[in-house]
Amino acid sequence: MADRGLEYLRNKLTARKSRVELRYKQYSMKHVDASKGITIPKQLSDQYKAVLGWCTKGVDSLADRLVFREFNNDDFEVNEIFQDNNPDVFFDNVVLSALIASCAFVYVSKDEDLVRLQVIEANNATGIIDPITGLLTEGYAVLKRDDNGKPIVEAYFRAGQTDIIYADKKINDEIHTNDLPYATLVPVIHRPDAVRPFGRSRITRAGMYYQKYAKRTLERADVTAEFYSFPQKYVTGLSDDSETLDGWKATVSSMLQFTKDEDGEKPTLGQFTTSSMSPFTEQLKTAAAGFAGETGLTLDDLGFASDNPSSVEAIKASHENLRLAGRKAQRSLGSGLLNVAYIAACLRDDVPYLRYQFNKTIPKWEPLFEADASALSLIGDGAIKLNQAIPNYVNGEVLRDLTGIKGAD
C-alpha cells in the first residue's frame, strides 16, 4: 500500500485537532458555552458564568482506578524498558490522555542503549492505523510548537524510517533508520471499533450536554437569587408632589416613612411575589442524574450526598457500569501498551520481531476497587473452598489479582 504522505497527515491532524482541544477544555473547565437563554440578557448572563467539573469527574473517576501493574510472562524483558521511563508518571499520563481524547500516542526512540518513551497528546499526532495489529503504518507528530501554536519541530514516521523536520531551515532535518515493520509512533486507544478505529472519548457529547444544561441552571439560579435576596417592592397612591423615592434606599432600609397628603390620602405599600429556588434544585438533580447515567457514576459522586454511608460492596454494586467501563478500558489500553512494548523491544534489540511473538505477554492491572476487611474475608473463605475442591486452584497470583495485595515472597 502506497504511503499517504506528510501533507495528507498534516491536513488530517488539522481537521481533528479542534475536537480534541474541545475535550481538553472541557476537562480543564475552561470551555465557555454560548448563552442560549431567552429571558436573561447576555450582559447579565456574562456576569454569572457557571463553572462545573462534571466532565473532569467523569474522566478522573475512571482514570484513577486504572493502575497498571506490569507485563506478565515477560519473555522479552519489556518491564525493564518501562522501569527506565518513570512508569509512575508514564502510565498515568497515557491513561488520562487516552480517556480525554479517545487515544494517546507514544513516540518510541533510542538514545544510545536507552529506549525513550514520550507521550504525545492526540491534538499533536495522527497516523494511518493497521486494523489488524492496531499499529501505525504511517504517523505524524508535532514535537514542539512556538508560543503561537505553530509547529517548529515535526516528525514523520514510516516503517523503517523516522524523519525529524525543523521549521528553522538553518537546522538540518534528521533521518533515523531502523528495521521495524511499523512506525515508531504507537497509538494507545480507548474503546476502538470498526467505525472509530481511534476510539471514543470518555467525554461524550451527551455528557457535555448535561454539564451545559447544569451550568445554565446554575446561572439562572444565581440571577434569581438576587431577586430572592432583595424582593421587589412597589408603592401606589403617592401624590404627584411627593419626592422621588430612592430605589436602593427602599430596598436596604429597615424603616420607611410615608405621610398623608393634603386630602388625607396615604400610599399603599406592596411586594412582588419572590421566585422559589426549588425548581433549580430539581433541574440540577435531573442534569446530574442524566450525567451519572451516561458515565456510570452515582449522584454521590457528583455532590448529592446520600443519607447513609456505603460499604465497599454497596459502592461496587452502585458502580457496576463504571466497573464494566473500567474492564473494557483495561483491555483496549492494555493492547496499546503491549504494542508500545513490542516496538520498544524491537528498537532496543535491533531485531524486527513478529507481533505474534508477544501474544503470551499479558498486561496486568490492579483491581478497579480496593478490597476492605469484609471483602478480604469473603475472598479468603472462597479461596479455601475452591482449593478444597481443586487443590492449588487459587494461588498467590490469583489472590493478588482479586485483592491488589502482594503477599510475602
Protein backbone atom coordinates (compact mmCIF):
# COMPACT_ATOMS: atom_id res chain seq x y z
CA MET A 1 0.00 0.00 0.00
CA ALA A 2 1.40 3.38 -1.02
CA ASP A 3 2.16 5.96 1.65
CA ARG A 4 -0.32 8.81 2.04
CA GLY A 5 2.42 11.34 2.55
CA LEU A 6 3.32 14.03 5.06
CA GLU A 7 0.95 16.69 3.70
CA TYR A 8 -2.03 14.33 3.94
CA LEU A 9 -1.29 13.62 7.61
CA ARG A 10 -0.86 17.32 8.36
CA ASN A 11 -4.32 18.03 6.92
CA LYS A 12 -5.78 15.06 8.81
CA LEU A 13 -4.45 16.39 12.12
CA THR A 14 -5.74 19.89 11.36
CA ALA A 15 -9.22 18.51 10.67
CA ARG A 16 -9.45 16.71 14.01
CA LYS A 17 -7.43 18.99 16.24
CA SER A 18 -10.39 21.17 17.26
CA ARG A 19 -12.43 18.20 18.53
CA VAL A 20 -9.58 17.06 20.75
CA GLU A 21 -8.93 20.56 22.09
CA LEU A 22 -12.65 20.93 22.91
CA ARG A 23 -12.43 17.89 25.19
CA TYR A 24 -9.26 19.14 26.83
CA LYS A 25 -11.01 22.45 27.52
CA GLN A 26 -13.98 20.58 28.97
CA TYR A 27 -11.63 18.57 31.17
CA SER A 28 -9.76 21.67 32.39
CA MET A 29 -13.09 23.53 32.93
CA LYS A 30 -12.05 26.35 30.58
CA HIS A 31 -14.71 25.88 27.90
CA VAL A 32 -17.19 28.77 27.70
CA ASP A 33 -20.63 27.72 26.45
CA ALA A 34 -22.60 30.03 24.19
CA SER A 35 -25.54 31.62 26.01
CA LYS A 36 -28.90 30.28 24.78
CA GLY A 37 -31.27 31.86 27.30
CA ILE A 38 -34.28 33.84 26.06
CA THR A 39 -35.15 35.66 29.29
CA ILE A 40 -31.81 36.79 30.74
CA PRO A 41 -29.92 39.45 28.72
CA LYS A 42 -26.46 38.45 27.53
CA GLN A 43 -24.79 41.25 29.51
CA LEU A 44 -26.35 39.92 32.71
CA SER A 45 -25.68 36.30 31.83
CA ASP A 46 -21.98 37.02 31.28
CA GLN A 47 -21.72 38.24 34.89
CA TYR A 48 -22.92 34.89 36.25
CA LYS A 49 -20.93 32.36 34.21
CA ALA A 50 -21.00 28.97 35.94
CA VAL A 51 -18.04 26.57 36.13
CA LEU A 52 -18.74 22.89 36.62
CA GLY A 53 -16.32 19.94 36.76
CA TRP A 54 -18.55 17.00 35.92
CA CYS A 55 -16.61 16.08 32.77
CA THR A 56 -13.42 16.21 34.81
CA LYS A 57 -15.00 13.95 37.40
CA GLY A 58 -16.20 11.55 34.71
CA VAL A 59 -12.64 11.12 33.41
CA ASP A 60 -10.80 11.10 36.75
CA SER A 61 -13.20 8.63 38.37
CA LEU A 62 -12.10 6.02 35.82
CA ALA A 63 -8.50 7.15 35.26
CA ASP A 64 -7.70 6.99 38.98
CA ARG A 65 -8.87 3.36 39.07
CA LEU A 66 -6.80 2.22 36.07
CA VAL A 67 -3.47 1.42 37.70
CA PHE A 68 -1.08 -0.58 35.52
CA ARG A 69 0.99 -3.17 37.36
CA GLU A 70 3.32 -4.98 34.95
CA PHE A 71 3.56 -7.33 31.99
CA ASN A 72 3.17 -11.00 32.88
CA ASN A 73 5.10 -13.74 31.02
CA ASP A 74 7.70 -11.13 30.17
CA ASP A 75 9.91 -13.22 27.85
CA PHE A 76 11.34 -10.12 26.15
CA GLU A 77 12.06 -8.22 29.40
CA VAL A 78 9.94 -5.22 28.40
CA ASN A 79 9.19 -4.36 32.04
CA GLU A 80 12.76 -3.05 32.29
CA ILE A 81 12.11 -0.60 29.44
CA PHE A 82 9.14 0.91 31.27
CA GLN A 83 11.03 0.98 34.57
CA ASP A 84 13.65 3.17 32.88
CA ASN A 85 10.98 5.64 31.72
CA ASN A 86 9.45 6.83 35.01
CA PRO A 87 6.49 4.39 35.00
CA ASP A 88 4.51 6.18 37.74
CA VAL A 89 4.13 9.23 35.51
CA PHE A 90 4.20 7.50 32.12
CA PHE A 91 1.27 5.11 32.64
CA ASP A 92 -0.92 7.74 34.32
CA ASN A 93 -0.18 10.18 31.50
CA VAL A 94 -1.08 7.63 28.81
CA VAL A 95 -4.30 6.55 30.53
CA LEU A 96 -5.51 10.09 31.23
CA SER A 97 -4.73 11.35 27.71
CA ALA A 98 -6.48 8.36 26.12
CA LEU A 99 -9.62 8.79 28.23
CA ILE A 100 -9.86 12.51 27.43
CA ALA A 101 -9.15 12.44 23.70
CA SER A 102 -10.02 8.78 22.85
CA CYS A 103 -6.36 7.96 22.18
CA ALA A 104 -2.82 8.91 23.07
CA PHE A 105 0.40 8.37 21.14
CA VAL A 106 3.77 7.14 22.37
CA TYR A 107 6.89 8.16 20.45
CA VAL A 108 9.47 5.40 20.85
CA SER A 109 13.05 6.46 20.21
CA LYS A 110 16.52 5.23 21.07
CA ASP A 111 19.30 7.25 22.67
CA GLU A 112 22.44 5.10 22.59
CA ASP A 113 21.37 1.97 24.52
CA LEU A 114 18.38 3.55 26.27
CA VAL A 115 14.89 3.34 24.78
CA ARG A 116 12.88 6.51 25.43
CA LEU A 117 9.08 6.70 25.62
CA GLN A 118 7.42 10.09 25.08
CA VAL A 119 3.66 10.60 25.41
CA ILE A 120 2.11 12.85 22.73
CA GLU A 121 -1.49 14.07 23.02
CA ALA A 122 -3.99 13.37 20.24
CA ASN A 123 -4.11 17.05 19.20
CA ASN A 124 -0.44 16.78 18.21
CA ALA A 125 -0.31 13.41 16.44
CA THR A 126 -2.16 11.21 13.97
CA GLY A 127 -1.50 8.36 11.57
CA ILE A 128 -2.72 5.54 9.35
CA ILE A 129 -3.67 2.57 11.50
CA ASP A 130 -3.33 -1.11 10.69
CA PRO A 131 -6.72 -2.58 11.67
CA ILE A 132 -5.19 -6.00 12.44
CA THR A 133 -2.45 -5.04 14.89
CA GLY A 134 -3.52 -1.52 15.93
CA LEU A 135 -0.07 -0.21 14.96
CA LEU A 136 0.63 2.65 12.55
CA THR A 137 1.90 2.15 9.01
CA GLU A 138 2.43 5.92 8.82
CA GLY A 139 2.49 8.53 11.54
CA TYR A 140 2.86 12.26 12.05
CA ALA A 141 3.51 14.22 15.23
CA VAL A 142 4.23 17.78 16.26
CA LEU A 143 7.05 17.51 18.77
CA LYS A 144 7.30 21.23 19.57
CA ARG A 145 5.23 24.37 18.92
CA ASP A 146 6.03 28.04 19.33
CA ASP A 147 4.08 30.45 21.52
CA ASN A 148 1.50 30.95 18.75
CA GLY A 149 0.88 27.21 18.35
CA LYS A 150 2.77 26.93 15.07
CA PRO A 151 4.80 23.69 14.65
CA ILE A 152 8.55 24.21 14.81
CA VAL A 153 9.63 20.56 15.16
CA GLU A 154 7.70 17.80 13.39
CA ALA A 155 8.21 14.07 12.94
CA TYR A 156 7.10 11.86 10.04
CA PHE A 157 7.07 8.13 10.81
CA ARG A 158 7.19 5.24 8.37
CA ALA A 159 8.18 1.59 8.58
CA GLY A 160 11.96 1.57 8.86
CA GLN A 161 12.42 5.35 8.99
CA THR A 162 11.64 8.43 11.08
CA ASP A 163 12.17 11.95 9.71
CA ILE A 164 12.60 14.89 12.10
CA ILE A 165 11.66 18.14 10.33
CA TYR A 166 12.61 21.60 11.61
CA ALA A 167 10.75 24.78 10.67
CA ASP A 168 14.02 26.70 11.01
CA LYS A 169 15.78 25.98 7.74
CA LYS A 170 19.13 26.74 9.35
CA ILE A 171 18.81 23.40 11.16
CA ASN A 172 19.24 20.31 9.01
CA ASP A 173 16.46 17.74 9.08
CA GLU A 174 17.27 14.39 10.67
CA ILE A 175 16.64 10.90 9.32
CA HIS A 176 16.68 7.92 11.68
CA THR A 177 16.53 4.44 10.14
CA ASN A 178 15.58 1.13 11.75
CA ASP A 179 14.50 -2.40 10.82
CA LEU A 180 10.97 -2.19 12.26
CA PRO A 181 7.95 -3.26 10.19
CA TYR A 182 5.82 -0.45 11.67
CA ALA A 183 6.20 3.23 12.58
CA THR A 184 7.76 4.06 15.93
CA LEU A 185 4.73 6.18 16.83
CA VAL A 186 2.32 3.88 18.69
CA PRO A 187 -1.35 4.69 19.46
CA VAL A 188 -2.91 3.70 22.80
CA ILE A 189 -6.63 3.73 22.12
CA HIS A 190 -9.68 3.77 24.40
CA ARG A 191 -12.67 1.71 23.16
CA PRO A 192 -11.82 1.32 19.44
CA ASP A 193 -14.26 -0.25 16.99
CA ALA A 194 -14.64 -0.73 13.24
CA VAL A 195 -16.29 2.67 12.78
CA ARG A 196 -13.97 4.61 15.12
CA PRO A 197 -10.55 2.87 14.91
CA PHE A 198 -9.00 5.65 17.02
CA GLY A 199 -11.52 5.05 19.79
CA ARG A 200 -14.05 7.09 21.73
CA SER A 201 -13.53 9.73 24.38
CA ARG A 202 -14.78 9.39 27.92
CA ILE A 203 -16.17 12.94 27.49
CA THR A 204 -19.15 12.15 25.27
CA ARG A 205 -21.49 14.57 23.53
CA ALA A 206 -24.28 13.58 25.93
CA GLY A 207 -22.01 14.23 28.91
CA MET A 208 -21.13 17.69 27.59
CA TYR A 209 -24.82 18.43 27.05
CA TYR A 210 -25.80 17.50 30.62
CA GLN A 211 -22.96 19.60 32.02
CA LYS A 212 -24.01 22.55 29.84
CA TYR A 213 -27.61 22.10 30.99
CA ALA A 214 -26.48 22.13 34.63
CA LYS A 215 -24.35 25.24 34.08
CA ARG A 216 -27.32 27.10 32.58
CA THR A 217 -29.40 26.06 35.57
CA LEU A 218 -26.80 27.43 37.98
CA GLU A 219 -26.57 30.70 36.07
CA ARG A 220 -30.34 31.17 36.18
CA ALA A 221 -30.35 30.29 39.87
CA ASP A 222 -27.65 32.91 40.51
CA VAL A 223 -29.65 35.64 38.79
CA THR A 224 -32.86 34.60 40.53
CA ALA A 225 -31.09 34.57 43.89
CA GLU A 226 -30.50 38.30 43.59
CA PHE A 227 -34.25 38.94 43.42
CA TYR A 228 -34.84 36.26 46.06
CA SER A 229 -32.48 38.06 48.46
CA PHE A 230 -33.95 41.51 47.79
CA PRO A 231 -37.63 41.15 46.75
CA GLN A 232 -39.02 43.90 44.54
CA LYS A 233 -41.39 46.30 46.30
CA TYR A 234 -43.85 48.86 45.00
CA VAL A 235 -45.78 51.89 46.25
CA THR A 236 -49.13 53.09 44.84
CA GLY A 237 -51.16 56.19 45.63
CA LEU A 238 -48.24 58.61 46.02
CA SER A 239 -49.01 62.28 45.44
CA ASP A 240 -47.57 63.96 42.41
CA ASP A 241 -45.83 66.44 44.69
CA SER A 242 -44.00 63.75 46.68
CA GLU A 243 -40.23 63.40 46.48
CA THR A 244 -38.80 60.76 44.17
CA LEU A 245 -38.12 57.53 46.06
CA ASP A 246 -34.58 56.22 46.06
CA GLY A 247 -34.93 52.58 44.90
CA TRP A 248 -31.75 51.32 46.60
CA LYS A 249 -32.66 53.04 49.88
CA ALA A 250 -36.09 51.46 49.77
CA THR A 251 -34.51 48.05 49.25
CA VAL A 252 -31.97 48.04 52.10
CA SER A 253 -33.69 50.33 54.63
CA SER A 254 -35.37 48.73 57.64
CA MET A 255 -37.85 51.60 58.11
CA LEU A 256 -39.58 53.84 55.57
CA GLN A 257 -41.84 56.80 56.43
CA PHE A 258 -44.78 57.95 54.27
CA THR A 259 -47.04 60.84 55.33
CA LYS A 260 -50.61 61.62 54.29
CA ASP A 261 -51.17 64.23 51.61
CA GLU A 262 -53.38 67.32 51.90
CA ASP A 263 -56.51 65.28 51.25
CA GLY A 264 -55.62 62.80 53.94
CA GLU A 265 -54.83 60.02 51.49
CA LYS A 266 -51.95 57.66 52.20
CA PRO A 267 -49.92 55.46 49.80
CA THR A 268 -50.27 51.68 49.63
CA LEU A 269 -47.15 49.51 50.01
CA GLY A 270 -46.71 46.11 48.39
CA GLN A 271 -44.17 43.46 47.46
CA PHE A 272 -43.96 41.26 44.40
CA THR A 273 -44.00 37.51 44.97
CA THR A 274 -40.46 36.12 45.01
CA SER A 275 -39.43 33.21 42.82
CA SER A 276 -38.77 29.89 44.53
CA MET A 277 -35.31 28.32 44.30
CA SER A 278 -36.70 24.77 44.47
CA PRO A 279 -37.19 24.30 40.70
CA PHE A 280 -33.49 24.98 40.10
CA THR A 281 -32.50 22.31 42.62
CA GLU A 282 -34.74 19.80 40.87
CA GLN A 283 -33.35 20.80 37.47
CA LEU A 284 -29.80 20.39 38.73
CA LYS A 285 -30.62 16.94 40.08
CA THR A 286 -32.16 15.98 36.74
CA ALA A 287 -28.98 17.02 34.93
CA ALA A 288 -26.85 15.17 37.49
CA ALA A 289 -28.90 12.00 37.08
CA GLY A 290 -28.52 12.15 33.30
CA PHE A 291 -24.77 12.73 33.53
CA ALA A 292 -24.37 9.96 36.11
CA GLY A 293 -26.21 7.51 33.88
CA GLU A 294 -24.03 8.48 30.93
CA THR A 295 -20.72 8.00 32.77
CA GLY A 296 -21.51 5.16 35.17
CA LEU A 297 -21.27 7.38 38.26
CA THR A 298 -23.75 7.96 41.07
CA LEU A 299 -25.32 11.14 42.44
CA ASP A 300 -22.98 10.79 45.43
CA ASP A 301 -20.02 11.18 43.06
CA LEU A 302 -21.48 14.44 41.73
CA GLY A 303 -22.00 16.04 45.13
CA PHE A 304 -25.54 14.94 46.00
CA ALA A 305 -24.74 13.07 49.20
CA SER A 306 -26.94 10.22 50.37
CA ASP A 307 -28.07 9.85 53.97
CA ASN A 308 -26.25 6.62 54.81
CA PRO A 309 -22.56 5.89 54.11
CA SER A 310 -21.99 2.96 51.75
CA SER A 311 -19.79 -0.07 52.26
CA VAL A 312 -17.29 -1.20 49.63
CA GLU A 313 -19.74 -3.82 48.36
CA ALA A 314 -22.51 -1.23 48.11
CA ILE A 315 -20.17 1.11 46.22
CA LYS A 316 -19.27 -1.72 43.83
CA ALA A 317 -22.93 -2.51 43.23
CA SER A 318 -23.82 1.13 42.54
CA HIS A 319 -20.81 1.49 40.21
CA GLU A 320 -21.47 -1.62 38.13
CA ASN A 321 -21.47 0.38 34.88
CA LEU A 322 -18.23 2.08 35.92
CA ARG A 323 -16.68 -1.32 36.67
CA LEU A 324 -17.65 -2.61 33.22
CA ALA A 325 -16.24 0.54 31.59
CA GLY A 326 -13.03 0.04 33.56
CA ARG A 327 -12.68 -3.59 32.44
CA LYS A 328 -13.22 -2.56 28.82
CA ALA A 329 -10.65 0.23 29.18
CA GLN A 330 -8.13 -2.22 30.65
CA ARG A 331 -8.49 -4.49 27.63
CA SER A 332 -8.22 -1.77 24.99
CA LEU A 333 -5.49 0.27 26.69
CA GLY A 334 -3.59 -2.90 27.60
CA SER A 335 -3.44 -3.84 23.91
CA GLY A 336 -1.97 -0.44 23.08
CA LEU A 337 0.61 -0.66 25.86
CA LEU A 338 1.60 -4.12 24.58
CA ASN A 339 2.16 -2.57 21.14
CA VAL A 340 4.41 0.03 22.80
CA ALA A 341 6.33 -2.80 24.47
CA TYR A 342 6.66 -4.62 21.14
CA ILE A 343 8.04 -1.60 19.24
CA ALA A 344 10.34 -0.71 22.16
CA ALA A 345 11.77 -4.25 22.32
CA CYS A 346 12.37 -4.27 18.56
CA LEU A 347 14.17 -0.93 18.76
CA ARG A 348 16.20 -1.92 21.83
CA ASP A 349 17.42 -5.23 20.37
CA ASP A 350 17.65 -4.04 16.72
CA VAL A 351 15.60 -7.11 15.80
CA PRO A 352 12.35 -6.96 13.79
CA TYR A 353 10.36 -9.33 15.97
CA LEU A 354 7.00 -10.56 14.73
CA ARG A 355 3.94 -9.22 16.52
CA TYR A 356 2.54 -12.67 17.32
CA GLN A 357 5.66 -13.49 19.35
CA PHE A 358 4.30 -11.15 22.06
CA ASN A 359 0.93 -12.92 22.32
CA LYS A 360 1.86 -14.60 25.61
CA THR A 361 2.93 -11.32 27.21
CA ILE A 362 -0.12 -10.16 29.18
CA PRO A 363 -0.72 -6.67 30.64
CA LYS A 364 -1.72 -6.85 34.31
CA TRP A 365 -3.77 -4.19 36.12
CA GLU A 366 -4.57 -3.58 39.76
CA PRO A 367 -8.20 -4.27 40.82
CA LEU A 368 -10.62 -1.46 39.99
CA PHE A 369 -11.95 -1.46 43.58
CA GLU A 370 -9.68 -1.94 46.59
CA ALA A 371 -10.75 -4.68 48.94
CA ASP A 372 -11.67 -3.80 52.53
CA ALA A 373 -11.63 -6.13 55.55
CA SER A 374 -15.05 -7.57 54.72
CA ALA A 375 -14.11 -8.28 51.11
CA LEU A 376 -10.81 -9.87 52.17
CA SER A 377 -12.69 -12.20 54.50
CA LEU A 378 -15.13 -13.25 51.76
CA ILE A 379 -12.34 -13.79 49.23
CA GLY A 380 -10.35 -15.83 51.76
CA ASP A 381 -13.31 -18.10 52.52
CA GLY A 382 -13.94 -18.58 48.80
CA ALA A 383 -10.28 -19.40 48.13
CA ILE A 384 -10.26 -22.06 50.88
CA LYS A 385 -13.37 -23.75 49.47
CA LEU A 386 -12.08 -23.68 45.90
CA ASN A 387 -8.73 -25.15 46.92
CA GLN A 388 -10.53 -27.88 48.85
CA ALA A 389 -12.45 -28.80 45.69
CA ILE A 390 -9.45 -28.40 43.34
CA PRO A 391 -6.05 -28.33 45.10
CA ASN A 392 -3.88 -25.28 44.32
CA TYR A 393 -6.60 -23.75 42.13
CA VAL A 394 -6.22 -20.35 43.82
CA ASN A 395 -2.60 -19.30 44.31
CA GLY A 396 -0.91 -16.09 45.40
CA GLU A 397 -1.07 -14.51 41.93
CA VAL A 398 -4.82 -15.08 41.67
CA LEU A 399 -5.35 -13.59 45.12
CA ARG A 400 -3.32 -10.53 44.18
CA ASP A 401 -5.49 -10.04 41.08
CA LEU A 402 -8.58 -10.18 43.31
CA THR A 403 -7.36 -8.07 46.22
CA GLY A 404 -4.48 -5.98 44.89
CA ILE A 405 -2.33 -7.05 47.86
CA LYS A 406 1.09 -8.53 47.17
CA GLY A 407 1.80 -11.28 49.67
CA ALA A 408 5.12 -12.18 51.22
CA ASP A 409 7.66 -13.84 48.91
